[in-house]
Amino acid sequence: MNKRIADGEARDRLIIWIRRRMEEFGITIDALAASIEHDRRHPPLYRDARGNEWNGQGPMPGWLQAAKHAGVDPDFFRIAAKPAAQDAGTQEATAASRQMDLFT
């Protein structure tokens, strides 16, 4: 019970912090909703170990350009398709081949 109360209090404090930052930077609920919708329509296609993402639109970001210039195939950073789109065997084979790219 105490953990649930603590979690609820932490959540409430986080919401207050977010609302204050939104006000500080002039971010409206509508702008936030539009940003979320944009992200849903344009999910990231590439992600590195630091969490940098790129949806494939616009110029290639610096982190991916640097990796490419270092000889890393950009497809190494490609995010795998959703599991529903592939069967388990295909997913395992894809993951294994992507891991091997690091060592070849």
N, C-alpha and C. Protein backbone atom coordinates (compact mmCIF):
# COMPACT_ATOMS: atom_id res chain seq x y z
N MET A 1 0.83 -1.20 0.00
CA MET A 1 0.00 0.00 0.00
C MET A 1 0.87 1.26 0.00
N ASN A 2 1.91 1.30 0.83
CA ASN A 2 2.77 2.49 0.90
C ASN A 2 3.49 2.74 -0.41
N LYS A 3 3.88 1.64 -1.10
CA LYS A 3 4.56 1.80 -2.38
C LYS A 3 3.61 2.44 -3.39
N ARG A 4 2.35 2.04 -3.39
CA ARG A 4 1.38 2.63 -4.32
C ARG A 4 1.19 4.11 -4.02
N ILE A 5 1.16 4.46 -2.75
CA ILE A 5 1.03 5.87 -2.38
C ILE A 5 2.26 6.64 -2.86
N ALA A 6 3.44 6.08 -2.61
CA ALA A 6 4.68 6.74 -3.04
C ALA A 6 4.71 6.88 -4.55
N ASP A 7 4.32 5.82 -5.26
CA ASP A 7 4.28 5.90 -6.72
C ASP A 7 3.31 6.97 -7.19
N GLY A 8 2.17 7.07 -6.54
CA GLY A 8 1.18 8.08 -6.90
C GLY A 8 1.69 9.48 -6.63
N GLU A 9 2.40 9.65 -5.51
CA GLU A 9 2.96 10.95 -5.19
C GLU A 9 4.06 11.33 -6.18
N ALA A 10 4.89 10.37 -6.54
CA ALA A 10 5.95 10.64 -7.53
C ALA A 10 5.34 11.02 -8.86
N ARG A 11 4.28 10.31 -9.24
CA ARG A 11 3.59 10.61 -10.50
C ARG A 11 3.02 12.02 -10.47
N ASP A 12 2.38 12.37 -9.36
CA ASP A 12 1.80 13.71 -9.24
C ASP A 12 2.88 14.79 -9.33
N ARG A 13 4.02 14.57 -8.66
CA ARG A 13 5.12 15.54 -8.73
C ARG A 13 5.66 15.66 -10.16
N LEU A 14 5.75 14.52 -10.84
CA LEU A 14 6.23 14.53 -12.22
C LEU A 14 5.27 15.31 -13.12
N ILE A 15 3.99 15.11 -12.94
CA ILE A 15 3.00 15.84 -13.74
C ILE A 15 3.12 17.34 -13.50
N ILE A 16 3.28 17.72 -12.26
CA ILE A 16 3.45 19.15 -11.95
C ILE A 16 4.70 19.69 -12.63
N TRP A 17 5.81 18.94 -12.56
CA TRP A 17 7.06 19.37 -13.19
C TRP A 17 6.88 19.52 -14.69
N ILE A 18 6.23 18.55 -15.32
CA ILE A 18 6.00 18.62 -16.77
C ILE A 18 5.14 19.82 -17.13
N ARG A 19 4.08 20.04 -16.38
CA ARG A 19 3.20 21.19 -16.67
C ARG A 19 3.96 22.51 -16.53
N ARG A 20 4.82 22.61 -15.54
CA ARG A 20 5.61 23.84 -15.37
C ARG A 20 6.59 24.04 -16.53
N ARG A 21 7.23 22.97 -16.97
CA ARG A 21 8.15 23.08 -18.12
C ARG A 21 7.38 23.45 -19.38
N MET A 22 6.19 22.88 -19.55
CA MET A 22 5.39 23.24 -20.72
C MET A 22 5.05 24.72 -20.70
N GLU A 23 4.66 25.21 -19.54
CA GLU A 23 4.34 26.64 -19.41
C GLU A 23 5.59 27.49 -19.65
N GLU A 24 6.71 27.07 -19.09
CA GLU A 24 7.97 27.81 -19.23
C GLU A 24 8.38 27.95 -20.69
N PHE A 25 8.17 26.90 -21.48
CA PHE A 25 8.59 26.91 -22.88
C PHE A 25 7.45 27.22 -23.85
N GLY A 26 6.28 27.54 -23.33
CA GLY A 26 5.16 27.91 -24.19
C GLY A 26 4.60 26.74 -24.99
N ILE A 27 4.65 25.55 -24.44
CA ILE A 27 4.13 24.37 -25.13
C ILE A 27 2.69 24.15 -24.71
N THR A 28 1.80 24.12 -25.68
CA THR A 28 0.39 23.90 -25.40
C THR A 28 0.05 22.42 -25.49
N ILE A 29 -1.09 22.06 -24.92
CA ILE A 29 -1.58 20.68 -25.02
C ILE A 29 -1.77 20.31 -26.49
N ASP A 30 -2.29 21.25 -27.28
CA ASP A 30 -2.50 20.98 -28.71
C ASP A 30 -1.18 20.71 -29.43
N ALA A 31 -0.14 21.49 -29.09
CA ALA A 31 1.17 21.27 -29.72
C ALA A 31 1.74 19.92 -29.32
N LEU A 32 1.55 19.55 -28.06
CA LEU A 32 2.02 18.25 -27.59
C LEU A 32 1.28 17.12 -28.30
N ALA A 33 -0.04 17.25 -28.42
CA ALA A 33 -0.83 16.23 -29.12
C ALA A 33 -0.42 16.11 -30.58
N ALA A 34 -0.15 17.25 -31.23
CA ALA A 34 0.28 17.22 -32.63
C ALA A 34 1.63 16.53 -32.77
N SER A 35 2.52 16.78 -31.82
CA SER A 35 3.83 16.14 -31.85
C SER A 35 3.71 14.62 -31.67
N ILE A 36 2.86 14.21 -30.77
CA ILE A 36 2.64 12.77 -30.54
C ILE A 36 2.06 12.13 -31.80
N GLU A 37 1.10 12.79 -32.42
CA GLU A 37 0.50 12.26 -33.65
C GLU A 37 1.54 12.17 -34.76
N HIS A 38 2.39 13.18 -34.88
CA HIS A 38 3.45 13.15 -35.89
C HIS A 38 4.36 11.95 -35.67
N ASP A 39 4.74 11.72 -34.40
CA ASP A 39 5.60 10.58 -34.09
C ASP A 39 4.92 9.25 -34.42
N ARG A 40 3.63 9.17 -34.23
CA ARG A 40 2.90 7.94 -34.57
C ARG A 40 2.90 7.69 -36.07
N ARG A 41 2.78 8.76 -36.84
CA ARG A 41 2.75 8.62 -38.31
C ARG A 41 4.14 8.40 -38.89
N HIS A 42 5.17 8.87 -38.19
CA HIS A 42 6.55 8.77 -38.68
C HIS A 42 7.44 8.14 -37.62
N PRO A 43 7.27 6.85 -37.35
CA PRO A 43 8.08 6.22 -36.30
C PRO A 43 9.55 6.15 -36.72
N PRO A 44 10.44 6.08 -35.75
CA PRO A 44 11.87 6.01 -36.09
C PRO A 44 12.20 4.72 -36.83
N LEU A 45 13.12 4.82 -37.78
CA LEU A 45 13.59 3.65 -38.53
C LEU A 45 14.97 3.22 -38.07
N TYR A 46 15.72 4.15 -37.48
CA TYR A 46 17.09 3.88 -37.05
C TYR A 46 17.26 4.33 -35.60
N ARG A 47 18.07 3.58 -34.83
CA ARG A 47 18.34 3.95 -33.44
C ARG A 47 19.73 3.46 -33.07
N ASP A 48 20.48 4.31 -32.36
CA ASP A 48 21.80 3.88 -31.90
C ASP A 48 21.74 3.50 -30.42
N ALA A 49 22.87 3.09 -29.87
CA ALA A 49 22.92 2.62 -28.49
C ALA A 49 22.64 3.73 -27.48
N ARG A 50 22.80 4.96 -27.89
CA ARG A 50 22.54 6.09 -26.99
C ARG A 50 21.10 6.59 -27.06
N GLY A 51 20.29 5.95 -27.90
CA GLY A 51 18.88 6.33 -28.00
C GLY A 51 18.60 7.38 -29.05
N ASN A 52 19.62 7.81 -29.80
CA ASN A 52 19.38 8.74 -30.90
C ASN A 52 18.55 8.02 -31.95
N GLU A 53 17.57 8.71 -32.51
CA GLU A 53 16.69 8.09 -33.49
C GLU A 53 16.57 8.96 -34.73
N TRP A 54 16.22 8.31 -35.83
CA TRP A 54 15.97 9.01 -37.09
C TRP A 54 14.88 8.26 -37.82
N ASN A 55 13.91 9.01 -38.36
CA ASN A 55 12.79 8.37 -39.05
C ASN A 55 13.03 8.24 -40.55
N GLY A 56 14.21 8.57 -41.02
CA GLY A 56 14.53 8.42 -42.43
C GLY A 56 14.13 9.62 -43.27
N GLN A 57 13.52 10.62 -42.66
CA GLN A 57 13.11 11.82 -43.39
C GLN A 57 14.09 12.94 -43.10
N GLY A 58 14.35 13.74 -44.11
CA GLY A 58 15.28 14.85 -43.93
C GLY A 58 16.71 14.36 -44.02
N PRO A 59 17.65 15.26 -43.77
CA PRO A 59 19.06 14.88 -43.88
C PRO A 59 19.45 13.85 -42.82
N MET A 60 20.41 13.00 -43.17
CA MET A 60 20.89 11.98 -42.24
C MET A 60 21.55 12.69 -41.06
N PRO A 61 21.19 12.31 -39.83
CA PRO A 61 21.76 12.97 -38.66
C PRO A 61 23.25 12.67 -38.49
N GLY A 62 23.92 13.54 -37.76
CA GLY A 62 25.36 13.43 -37.57
C GLY A 62 25.81 12.10 -37.00
N TRP A 63 25.07 11.55 -36.02
CA TRP A 63 25.49 10.29 -35.42
C TRP A 63 25.50 9.16 -36.44
N LEU A 64 24.54 9.18 -37.38
CA LEU A 64 24.49 8.12 -38.39
C LEU A 64 25.51 8.38 -39.50
N GLN A 65 25.73 9.64 -39.84
CA GLN A 65 26.77 9.98 -40.82
C GLN A 65 28.15 9.55 -40.30
N ALA A 66 28.41 9.82 -39.02
CA ALA A 66 29.70 9.45 -38.43
C ALA A 66 29.91 7.94 -38.47
N ALA A 67 28.86 7.19 -38.16
CA ALA A 67 28.96 5.73 -38.20
C ALA A 67 29.21 5.26 -39.63
N LYS A 68 28.51 5.86 -40.58
CA LYS A 68 28.67 5.48 -41.99
C LYS A 68 30.10 5.77 -42.46
N HIS A 69 30.63 6.93 -42.10
CA HIS A 69 32.00 7.28 -42.50
C HIS A 69 33.03 6.37 -41.82
N ALA A 70 32.65 5.79 -40.68
CA ALA A 70 33.55 4.86 -39.98
C ALA A 70 33.44 3.45 -40.55
N GLY A 71 32.61 3.28 -41.58
CA GLY A 71 32.49 1.98 -42.23
C GLY A 71 31.36 1.11 -41.74
N VAL A 72 30.49 1.65 -40.89
CA VAL A 72 29.36 0.87 -40.38
C VAL A 72 28.19 1.03 -41.34
N ASP A 73 27.59 -0.08 -41.73
CA ASP A 73 26.43 -0.05 -42.61
C ASP A 73 25.26 0.57 -41.84
N PRO A 74 24.62 1.62 -42.37
CA PRO A 74 23.49 2.24 -41.67
C PRO A 74 22.39 1.25 -41.32
N ASP A 75 22.25 0.18 -42.11
CA ASP A 75 21.22 -0.81 -41.80
C ASP A 75 21.46 -1.52 -40.48
N PHE A 76 22.69 -1.46 -39.97
CA PHE A 76 22.97 -2.03 -38.65
C PHE A 76 22.09 -1.36 -37.59
N PHE A 77 21.79 -0.08 -37.79
CA PHE A 77 21.01 0.68 -36.82
C PHE A 77 19.51 0.62 -37.09
N ARG A 78 19.12 -0.06 -38.16
CA ARG A 78 17.70 -0.13 -38.52
C ARG A 78 16.95 -0.88 -37.42
N ILE A 79 15.83 -0.30 -37.04
CA ILE A 79 14.97 -0.91 -36.02
C ILE A 79 14.20 -2.04 -36.68
N ALA A 80 14.19 -3.20 -36.04
CA ALA A 80 13.50 -4.37 -36.59
C ALA A 80 12.01 -4.09 -36.74
N ALA A 81 11.42 -4.74 -37.71
CA ALA A 81 9.97 -4.62 -37.92
C ALA A 81 9.24 -5.16 -36.69
N LYS A 82 8.00 -4.76 -36.54
CA LYS A 82 7.20 -5.24 -35.43
C LYS A 82 7.06 -6.76 -35.52
N PRO A 83 7.01 -7.44 -34.38
CA PRO A 83 6.94 -8.90 -34.38
C PRO A 83 5.77 -9.46 -35.19
N ALA A 84 4.66 -8.77 -35.25
CA ALA A 84 3.51 -9.27 -35.99
C ALA A 84 3.81 -9.37 -37.48
N ALA A 85 4.77 -8.60 -37.96
CA ALA A 85 5.09 -8.58 -39.38
C ALA A 85 6.04 -9.72 -39.77
N GLN A 86 6.66 -10.37 -38.79
CA GLN A 86 7.61 -11.44 -39.07
C GLN A 86 7.32 -12.62 -38.16
N ASP A 87 7.69 -13.83 -38.63
CA ASP A 87 7.57 -14.97 -37.74
C ASP A 87 8.83 -15.06 -36.87
N ALA A 88 8.80 -15.86 -35.83
CA ALA A 88 9.90 -15.93 -34.87
C ALA A 88 11.20 -16.37 -35.52
N GLY A 89 11.15 -17.32 -36.44
CA GLY A 89 12.36 -17.79 -37.10
C GLY A 89 13.03 -16.71 -37.91
N THR A 90 12.25 -15.92 -38.61
CA THR A 90 12.80 -14.82 -39.40
C THR A 90 13.44 -13.78 -38.48
N GLN A 91 12.79 -13.49 -37.36
CA GLN A 91 13.33 -12.51 -36.42
C GLN A 91 14.67 -12.95 -35.87
N GLU A 92 14.79 -14.23 -35.50
CA GLU A 92 16.05 -14.73 -34.95
C GLU A 92 17.15 -14.67 -36.00
N ALA A 93 16.83 -15.03 -37.24
CA ALA A 93 17.83 -15.00 -38.31
C ALA A 93 18.27 -13.57 -38.59
N THR A 94 17.31 -12.65 -38.59
CA THR A 94 17.63 -11.25 -38.83
C THR A 94 18.52 -10.70 -37.72
N ALA A 95 18.17 -11.00 -36.48
CA ALA A 95 18.96 -10.52 -35.34
C ALA A 95 20.37 -11.09 -35.40
N ALA A 96 20.50 -12.37 -35.72
CA ALA A 96 21.82 -13.00 -35.78
C ALA A 96 22.67 -12.38 -36.88
N SER A 97 22.08 -12.13 -38.04
CA SER A 97 22.85 -11.55 -39.14
C SER A 97 23.26 -10.12 -38.83
N ARG A 98 22.42 -9.36 -38.14
CA ARG A 98 22.76 -7.99 -37.79
C ARG A 98 23.89 -7.97 -36.77
N GLN A 99 23.89 -8.91 -35.84
CA GLN A 99 24.96 -8.95 -34.85
C GLN A 99 26.28 -9.31 -35.51
N MET A 100 26.25 -10.20 -36.48
CA MET A 100 27.47 -10.63 -37.14
C MET A 100 28.11 -9.47 -37.91
N ASP A 101 27.32 -8.51 -38.37
CA ASP A 101 27.85 -7.38 -39.12
C ASP A 101 28.92 -6.63 -38.33
N LEU A 102 28.82 -6.63 -37.01
CA LEU A 102 29.79 -5.93 -36.18
C LEU A 102 31.19 -6.52 -36.30
N PHE A 103 31.27 -7.80 -36.55
CA PHE A 103 32.54 -8.50 -36.49
C PHE A 103 33.11 -8.86 -37.84
N THR A 104 32.45 -8.47 -38.93
CA THR A 104 32.96 -8.81 -40.26
C THR A 104 33.70 -7.66 -40.86
